[in-house]
């Protein structure tokens, strides 16, 4: 088998393997991360005012 044919076959196989890996990663990794925002209840008057200004 000549070197050119061998290089061509190996490059095609490498391309298929890398494509397969990226397709598997696309299904395995999440698209969007959902973060839960925890808002604690303001305790004092100053915290209530600050919270009301942030939510406007």
PDB file of N, CA and C in Angstrom:
ATOM      1  N   UNK A   1       0.853  -1.175   0.000  1.00  0.00           N
ATOM      2  CA  UNK A   1       0.000   0.000   0.000  1.00  0.00           C
ATOM      3  C   UNK A   1       0.899   1.239   0.000  1.00  0.00           C
ATOM      4  N   UNK A   2       0.591   2.155  -0.857  1.00  0.00           N
ATOM      5  CA  UNK A   2       1.441   3.343  -0.961  1.00  0.00           C
ATOM      6  C   UNK A   2       1.213   4.291   0.205  1.00  0.00           C
ATOM      7  N   UNK A   3       2.170   5.175   0.408  1.00  0.00           N
ATOM      8  CA  UNK A   3       2.094   6.122   1.515  1.00  0.00           C
ATOM      9  C   UNK A   3       0.922   7.082   1.372  1.00  0.00           C
ATOM     10  N   UNK A   4       0.603   7.474   0.156  1.00  0.00           N
ATOM     11  CA  UNK A   4      -0.487   8.434  -0.059  1.00  0.00           C
ATOM     12  C   UNK A   4      -1.823   7.825   0.320  1.00  0.00           C
ATOM     13  N   UNK A   5      -2.043   6.563  -0.070  1.00  0.00           N
ATOM     14  CA  UNK A   5      -3.303   5.900   0.277  1.00  0.00           C
ATOM     15  C   UNK A   5      -3.407   5.707   1.783  1.00  0.00           C
ATOM     16  N   UNK A   6      -2.311   5.328   2.409  1.00  0.00           N
ATOM     17  CA  UNK A   6      -2.308   5.120   3.855  1.00  0.00           C
ATOM     18  C   UNK A   6      -2.582   6.421   4.594  1.00  0.00           C
ATOM     19  N   UNK A   7      -1.953   7.509   4.181  1.00  0.00           N
ATOM     20  CA  UNK A   7      -2.198   8.813   4.806  1.00  0.00           C
ATOM     21  C   UNK A   7      -3.641   9.244   4.609  1.00  0.00           C
ATOM     22  N   UNK A   8      -4.191   8.989   3.427  1.00  0.00           N
ATOM     23  CA  UNK A   8      -5.572   9.368   3.161  1.00  0.00           C
ATOM     24  C   UNK A   8      -6.540   8.572   4.041  1.00  0.00           C
ATOM     25  N   UNK A   9      -6.322   7.262   4.152  1.00  0.00           N
ATOM     26  CA  UNK A   9      -7.189   6.420   4.984  1.00  0.00           C
ATOM     27  C   UNK A   9      -7.084   6.822   6.445  1.00  0.00           C
ATOM     28  N   UNK A  10      -5.890   7.080   6.925  1.00  0.00           N
ATOM     29  CA  UNK A  10      -5.716   7.489   8.325  1.00  0.00           C
ATOM     30  C   UNK A  10      -6.337   8.854   8.607  1.00  0.00           C
ATOM     31  N   UNK A  11      -6.237   9.772   7.668  1.00  0.00           N
ATOM     32  CA  UNK A  11      -6.844  11.093   7.883  1.00  0.00           C
ATOM     33  C   UNK A  11      -8.368  11.000   7.875  1.00  0.00           C
ATOM     34  N   UNK A  12      -8.927  10.156   7.032  1.00  0.00           N
ATOM     35  CA  UNK A  12     -10.388   9.976   7.026  1.00  0.00           C
ATOM     36  C   UNK A  12     -10.838   9.329   8.328  1.00  0.00           C
ATOM     37  N   UNK A  13     -10.136   8.309   8.785  1.00  0.00           N
ATOM     38  CA  UNK A  13     -10.494   7.663  10.049  1.00  0.00           C
ATOM     39  C   UNK A  13     -10.351   8.621  11.228  1.00  0.00           C
ATOM     40  N   UNK A  14      -9.315   9.435  11.229  1.00  0.00           N
ATOM     41  CA  UNK A  14      -9.145  10.416  12.312  1.00  0.00           C
ATOM     42  C   UNK A  14     -10.279  11.433  12.288  1.00  0.00           C
ATOM     43  N   UNK A  15     -10.671  11.860  11.104  1.00  0.00           N
ATOM     44  CA  UNK A  15     -11.797  12.794  11.006  1.00  0.00           C
ATOM     45  C   UNK A  15     -13.085  12.193  11.519  1.00  0.00           C
ATOM     46  N   UNK A  16     -13.325  10.925  11.216  1.00  0.00           N
ATOM     47  CA  UNK A  16     -14.536  10.250  11.689  1.00  0.00           C
ATOM     48  C   UNK A  16     -14.514  10.106  13.207  1.00  0.00           C
ATOM     49  N   UNK A  17     -13.357   9.747  13.757  1.00  0.00           N
ATOM     50  CA  UNK A  17     -13.244   9.579  15.210  1.00  0.00           C
ATOM     51  C   UNK A  17     -13.463  10.908  15.933  1.00  0.00           C
ATOM     52  N   UNK A  18     -12.835  11.983  15.468  1.00  0.00           N
ATOM     53  CA  UNK A  18     -13.017  13.285  16.112  1.00  0.00           C
ATOM     54  C   UNK A  18     -14.447  13.788  15.962  1.00  0.00           C
ATOM     55  N   UNK A  19     -15.059  13.563  14.822  1.00  0.00           N
ATOM     56  CA  UNK A  19     -16.461  13.955  14.642  1.00  0.00           C
ATOM     57  C   UNK A  19     -17.352  13.201  15.615  1.00  0.00           C
ATOM     58  N   UNK A  20     -17.093  11.922  15.777  1.00  0.00           N
ATOM     59  CA  UNK A  20     -17.886  11.113  16.700  1.00  0.00           C
ATOM     60  C   UNK A  20     -17.728  11.609  18.133  1.00  0.00           C
ATOM     61  N   UNK A  21     -16.504  11.972  18.506  1.00  0.00           N
ATOM     62  CA  UNK A  21     -16.269  12.482  19.860  1.00  0.00           C
ATOM     63  C   UNK A  21     -17.032  13.780  20.085  1.00  0.00           C
ATOM     64  N   UNK A  22     -17.009  14.696  19.121  1.00  0.00           N
ATOM     65  CA  UNK A  22     -17.710  15.973  19.295  1.00  0.00           C
ATOM     66  C   UNK A  22     -19.222  15.796  19.283  1.00  0.00           C
ATOM     67  N   UNK A  23     -19.727  14.838  18.532  1.00  0.00           N
ATOM     68  CA  UNK A  23     -21.166  14.558  18.554  1.00  0.00           C
ATOM     69  C   UNK A  23     -21.565  14.014  19.916  1.00  0.00           C
ATOM     70  N   UNK A  24     -20.765  13.133  20.479  1.00  0.00           N
ATOM     71  CA  UNK A  24     -21.063  12.620  21.820  1.00  0.00           C
ATOM     72  C   UNK A  24     -20.998  13.719  22.869  1.00  0.00           C
ATOM     73  N   UNK A  25     -20.036  14.618  22.750  1.00  0.00           N
ATOM     74  CA  UNK A  25     -19.953  15.729  23.701  1.00  0.00           C
ATOM     75  C   UNK A  25     -21.140  16.666  23.581  1.00  0.00           C
ATOM     76  N   UNK A  26     -21.657  16.828  22.382  1.00  0.00           N
ATOM     77  CA  UNK A  26     -22.817  17.704  22.197  1.00  0.00           C
ATOM     78  C   UNK A  26     -24.031  17.156  22.929  1.00  0.00           C
ATOM     79  N   UNK A  27     -24.166  15.840  22.989  1.00  0.00           N
ATOM     80  CA  UNK A  27     -25.296  15.259  23.710  1.00  0.00           C
ATOM     81  C   UNK A  27     -25.038  15.161  25.208  1.00  0.00           C
ATOM     82  N   UNK A  28     -23.791  15.050  25.598  1.00  0.00           N
ATOM     83  CA  UNK A  28     -23.470  14.841  27.009  1.00  0.00           C
ATOM     84  C   UNK A  28     -23.445  16.146  27.798  1.00  0.00           C
ATOM     85  N   UNK A  29     -23.004  17.236  27.172  1.00  0.00           N
ATOM     86  CA  UNK A  29     -22.877  18.497  27.896  1.00  0.00           C
ATOM     87  C   UNK A  29     -24.190  19.278  27.839  1.00  0.00           C
ATOM     88  N   UNK A  30     -24.556  19.932  28.927  1.00  0.00           N
ATOM     89  CA  UNK A  30     -25.795  20.715  28.915  1.00  0.00           C
ATOM     90  C   UNK A  30     -25.654  21.965  28.052  1.00  0.00           C
ATOM     91  N   UNK A  31     -26.769  22.371  27.458  1.00  0.00           N
ATOM     92  CA  UNK A  31     -26.750  23.557  26.603  1.00  0.00           C
ATOM     93  C   UNK A  31     -26.792  24.820  27.457  1.00  0.00           C
ATOM     94  N   UNK A  32     -27.715  24.853  28.383  1.00  0.00           N
ATOM     95  CA  UNK A  32     -27.863  26.025  29.253  1.00  0.00           C
ATOM     96  C   UNK A  32     -27.751  25.584  30.702  1.00  0.00           C
ATOM     97  N   UNK A  33     -27.077  26.401  31.456  1.00  0.00           N
ATOM     98  CA  UNK A  33     -26.994  26.132  32.880  1.00  0.00           C
ATOM     99  C   UNK A  33     -28.108  26.902  33.575  1.00  0.00           C
ATOM    100  N   UNK A  34     -28.885  26.181  34.347  1.00  0.00           N
ATOM    101  CA  UNK A  34     -29.960  26.828  35.097  1.00  0.00           C
ATOM    102  C   UNK A  34     -29.477  27.050  36.523  1.00  0.00           C
ATOM    103  N   UNK A  35     -29.339  28.307  36.868  1.00  0.00           N
ATOM    104  CA  UNK A  35     -28.896  28.646  38.213  1.00  0.00           C
ATOM    105  C   UNK A  35     -30.110  29.100  39.013  1.00  0.00           C
ATOM    106  N   UNK A  36     -30.211  28.568  40.205  1.00  0.00           N
ATOM    107  CA  UNK A  36     -31.295  28.975  41.075  1.00  0.00           C
ATOM    108  C   UNK A  36     -30.859  30.210  41.851  1.00  0.00           C
ATOM    109  N   UNK A  37     -31.653  31.236  41.740  1.00  0.00           N
ATOM    110  CA  UNK A  37     -31.353  32.471  42.437  1.00  0.00           C
ATOM    111  C   UNK A  37     -32.073  32.452  43.778  1.00  0.00           C
ATOM    112  N   UNK A  38     -31.300  32.465  44.833  1.00  0.00           N
ATOM    113  CA  UNK A  38     -31.858  32.437  46.183  1.00  0.00           C
ATOM    114  C   UNK A  38     -31.876  33.862  46.713  1.00  0.00           C
ATOM    115  N   UNK A  39     -33.071  34.340  46.961  1.00  0.00           N
ATOM    116  CA  UNK A  39     -33.236  35.691  47.495  1.00  0.00           C
ATOM    117  C   UNK A  39     -33.690  35.554  48.942  1.00  0.00           C
ATOM    118  N   UNK A  40     -32.840  36.024  49.830  1.00  0.00           N
ATOM    119  CA  UNK A  40     -33.216  35.949  51.240  1.00  0.00           C
ATOM    120  C   UNK A  40     -34.091  37.154  51.594  1.00  0.00           C
ATOM    121  N   UNK A  41     -34.952  36.939  52.533  1.00  0.00           N
ATOM    122  CA  UNK A  41     -35.890  37.975  52.959  1.00  0.00           C
ATOM    123  C   UNK A  41     -35.141  39.045  53.751  1.00  0.00           C
ATOM    124  N   UNK A  42     -35.343  40.316  53.366  1.00  0.00           N
ATOM    125  CA  UNK A  42     -34.677  41.396  54.097  1.00  0.00           C
ATOM    126  C   UNK A  42     -35.157  41.459  55.546  1.00  0.00           C
ATOM    127  N   UNK A  43     -34.201  41.641  56.458  1.00  0.00           N
ATOM    128  CA  UNK A  43     -34.540  41.634  57.885  1.00  0.00           C
ATOM    129  C   UNK A  43     -34.814  43.037  58.415  1.00  0.00           C
ATOM    130  N   UNK A  44     -33.899  43.940  58.178  1.00  0.00           N
ATOM    131  CA  UNK A  44     -34.041  45.279  58.743  1.00  0.00           C
ATOM    132  C   UNK A  44     -34.654  46.250  57.748  1.00  0.00           C
ATOM    133  N   UNK A  45     -34.935  47.452  58.223  1.00  0.00           N
ATOM    134  CA  UNK A  45     -35.545  48.496  57.392  1.00  0.00           C
ATOM    135  C   UNK A  45     -34.608  48.906  56.261  1.00  0.00           C
ATOM    136  N   UNK A  46     -33.307  49.030  56.563  1.00  0.00           N
ATOM    137  CA  UNK A  46     -32.338  49.417  55.559  1.00  0.00           C
ATOM    138  C   UNK A  46     -32.224  48.348  54.465  1.00  0.00           C
ATOM    139  N   UNK A  47     -32.274  47.063  54.849  1.00  0.00           N
ATOM    140  CA  UNK A  47     -32.236  45.980  53.875  1.00  0.00           C
ATOM    141  C   UNK A  47     -33.496  45.974  53.012  1.00  0.00           C
ATOM    142  N   UNK A  48     -34.646  46.307  53.583  1.00  0.00           N
ATOM    143  CA  UNK A  48     -35.888  46.367  52.812  1.00  0.00           C
ATOM    144  C   UNK A  48     -35.820  47.471  51.762  1.00  0.00           C
ATOM    145  N   UNK A  49     -35.285  48.613  52.138  1.00  0.00           N
ATOM    146  CA  UNK A  49     -35.152  49.724  51.201  1.00  0.00           C
ATOM    147  C   UNK A  49     -34.173  49.359  50.092  1.00  0.00           C
ATOM    148  N   UNK A  50     -33.065  48.768  50.476  1.00  0.00           N
ATOM    149  CA  UNK A  50     -32.076  48.352  49.491  1.00  0.00           C
ATOM    150  C   UNK A  50     -32.648  47.311  48.535  1.00  0.00           C
ATOM    151  N   UNK A  51     -33.394  46.372  49.063  1.00  0.00           N
ATOM    152  CA  UNK A  51     -33.991  45.330  48.237  1.00  0.00           C
ATOM    153  C   UNK A  51     -35.015  45.928  47.277  1.00  0.00           C
ATOM    154  N   UNK A  52     -35.811  46.889  47.746  1.00  0.00           N
ATOM    155  CA  UNK A  52     -36.820  47.486  46.879  1.00  0.00           C
ATOM    156  C   UNK A  52     -36.178  48.306  45.762  1.00  0.00           C
ATOM    157  N   UNK A  53     -35.029  48.926  46.047  1.00  0.00           N
ATOM    158  CA  UNK A  53     -34.331  49.685  44.991  1.00  0.00           C
ATOM    159  C   UNK A  53     -33.692  48.754  43.967  1.00  0.00           C
ATOM    160  N   UNK A  54     -33.230  47.570  44.384  1.00  0.00           N
ATOM    161  CA  UNK A  54     -32.618  46.618  43.449  1.00  0.00           C
ATOM    162  C   UNK A  54     -33.649  45.988  42.543  1.00  0.00           C
ATOM    163  N   UNK A  55     -34.865  45.792  43.011  1.00  0.00           N
ATOM    164  CA  UNK A  55     -35.875  45.085  42.219  1.00  0.00           C
ATOM    165  C   UNK A  55     -36.596  45.996  41.241  1.00  0.00           C
ATOM    166  N   UNK A  56     -36.372  47.296  41.304  1.00  0.00           N
ATOM    167  CA  UNK A  56     -37.046  48.216  40.357  1.00  0.00           C
ATOM    168  C   UNK A  56     -36.438  48.180  39.014  1.00  0.00           C
TER     169      UNK A  56
END
